[in-house]
Amino acid sequence: MSFQAQNILSSISRITILCKELPIIISHGSKRCKIYEVLTGPEGENAWHTFNQQFDALFGEDCRDEEGRLHHIHRGEYGTDKVIKYLSTMDLSSLPLDLVDIKLNWLKEELEFLS
């Protein structure tokens, strides 16, 4: 396994831990929250297109408030648990790992701030 793939797996592991440690002040998601809607929406033409499109819709620069905080973070089955489940099913061999790493870091940094 390449160093980049190991780094991605480490990031996913860290994201998983951080999601489980989110404070109770972070609301629970519902089937109407952005995370659930995006991750259960239509897939792209390939794995990278799907991942890129979904992560940009949820955690991209335009998904931040005036203070730079992401506003689509919710706990529970329809929130961060859904993100964890999605990340655990990704086939890293079909993705550009350098770009995946950047996008995962957006989420990881926000979760570290919130925890």
Protein backbone atom coordinates (compact mmCIF):
# COMPACT_ATOMS: atom_id res chain seq x y z
CA MET A 1 0.00 0.00 0.00
CA SER A 2 1.36 3.43 -0.92
CA PHE A 3 2.20 6.11 1.61
CA GLN A 4 -0.67 8.24 0.29
CA ALA A 5 -3.17 5.41 0.72
CA GLN A 6 -1.94 4.84 4.28
CA ASN A 7 -2.30 8.56 4.95
CA ILE A 8 -5.89 8.50 3.62
CA LEU A 9 -6.75 5.51 5.81
CA SER A 10 -5.24 7.31 8.80
CA SER A 11 -7.35 10.37 8.03
CA ILE A 12 -10.49 8.26 7.73
CA SER A 13 -9.69 6.62 11.07
CA ARG A 14 -9.17 10.02 12.70
CA ILE A 15 -12.41 11.36 11.17
CA THR A 16 -14.27 8.33 12.52
CA ILE A 17 -12.96 8.96 16.04
CA LEU A 18 -13.72 12.67 15.86
CA CYS A 19 -17.27 12.03 14.63
CA LYS A 20 -17.91 9.80 17.63
CA GLU A 21 -16.57 12.52 19.97
CA LEU A 22 -18.67 15.41 18.68
CA PRO A 23 -20.19 17.34 21.58
CA ILE A 24 -23.88 17.07 22.29
CA ILE A 25 -24.33 20.70 21.23
CA ILE A 26 -23.98 19.53 17.60
CA SER A 27 -27.49 18.66 16.48
CA HIS A 28 -28.56 15.28 15.16
CA GLY A 29 -29.11 15.02 11.45
CA SER A 30 -32.36 14.01 9.81
CA LYS A 31 -33.32 12.73 6.39
CA ARG A 32 -33.75 16.39 5.47
CA CYS A 33 -30.22 17.43 6.42
CA LYS A 34 -27.68 18.15 3.71
CA ILE A 35 -25.38 15.20 4.58
CA TYR A 36 -28.13 12.64 4.12
CA GLU A 37 -29.54 14.28 0.99
CA VAL A 38 -26.15 14.51 -0.73
CA LEU A 39 -24.84 11.07 0.25
CA THR A 40 -28.05 9.33 -0.82
CA GLY A 41 -28.37 11.36 -4.02
CA PRO A 42 -27.37 10.31 -7.51
CA GLU A 43 -23.87 9.05 -8.14
CA GLY A 44 -21.53 10.62 -10.65
CA GLU A 45 -20.05 9.02 -13.72
CA ASN A 46 -17.29 7.36 -11.67
CA ALA A 47 -16.06 7.05 -8.06
CA TRP A 48 -13.91 10.20 -8.20
CA HIS A 49 -16.68 12.31 -9.71
CA THR A 50 -19.09 11.12 -7.02
CA PHE A 51 -16.66 11.74 -4.15
CA ASN A 52 -15.58 15.13 -5.48
CA GLN A 53 -19.12 16.30 -6.09
CA GLN A 54 -20.39 15.12 -2.71
CA PHE A 55 -17.49 16.49 -0.65
CA ASP A 56 -17.63 19.83 -2.43
CA ALA A 57 -21.38 20.05 -1.78
CA LEU A 58 -20.94 19.24 1.90
CA PHE A 59 -17.54 20.55 2.94
CA GLY A 60 -16.31 22.90 0.21
CA GLU A 61 -15.31 26.54 0.64
CA ASP A 62 -18.82 27.76 -0.18
CA CYS A 63 -20.23 25.63 2.68
CA ARG A 64 -18.69 27.81 5.36
CA ASP A 65 -20.15 30.58 7.46
CA GLU A 66 -18.66 34.04 8.03
CA GLU A 67 -16.21 32.62 10.56
CA GLY A 68 -15.02 29.85 8.24
CA ARG A 69 -16.93 27.06 10.01
CA LEU A 70 -18.70 24.34 8.06
CA HIS A 71 -22.46 24.50 8.53
CA HIS A 72 -23.50 21.01 7.40
CA ILE A 73 -22.10 19.05 10.35
CA HIS A 74 -24.68 16.97 12.21
CA ARG A 75 -24.31 13.96 14.47
CA GLY A 76 -26.00 10.59 14.22
CA GLU A 77 -27.33 8.18 11.65
CA TYR A 78 -28.23 10.84 9.09
CA GLY A 79 -25.19 13.00 9.80
CA THR A 80 -21.61 12.07 10.53
CA ASP A 81 -22.42 8.35 10.85
CA LYS A 82 -23.52 8.49 7.21
CA VAL A 83 -20.19 10.14 6.27
CA ILE A 84 -18.25 7.42 8.14
CA LYS A 85 -20.20 4.69 6.39
CA TYR A 86 -19.54 6.30 3.01
CA LEU A 87 -15.81 6.69 3.69
CA SER A 88 -15.52 3.07 4.81
CA THR A 89 -16.83 1.85 1.44
CA MET A 90 -14.54 3.93 -0.78
CA ASP A 91 -12.27 2.09 -3.19
CA LEU A 92 -9.06 4.08 -2.85
CA SER A 93 -7.50 2.43 -5.90
CA SER A 94 -9.95 4.29 -8.15
CA LEU A 95 -9.35 7.76 -6.69
CA PRO A 96 -6.65 10.43 -7.04
CA LEU A 97 -5.29 10.16 -3.51
CA ASP A 98 -3.65 13.58 -3.39
CA LEU A 99 -7.00 15.26 -4.07
CA VAL A 100 -8.91 12.97 -1.72
CA ASP A 101 -6.43 13.84 1.03
CA ILE A 102 -7.11 17.57 0.60
CA LYS A 103 -10.86 17.10 0.83
CA LEU A 104 -10.64 14.79 3.84
CA ASN A 105 -8.46 17.36 5.60
CA TRP A 106 -11.23 19.98 5.24
CA LEU A 107 -13.54 17.71 7.19
CA LYS A 108 -10.91 16.54 9.67
CA GLU A 109 -9.91 20.10 10.57
CA GLU A 110 -13.53 21.10 11.21
CA LEU A 111 -14.16 18.05 13.37
CA GLU A 112 -11.00 18.76 15.37
CA PHE A 113 -12.22 22.31 15.95
CA LEU A 114 -15.65 21.10 17.10
CA SER A 115 -14.39 18.31 19.39
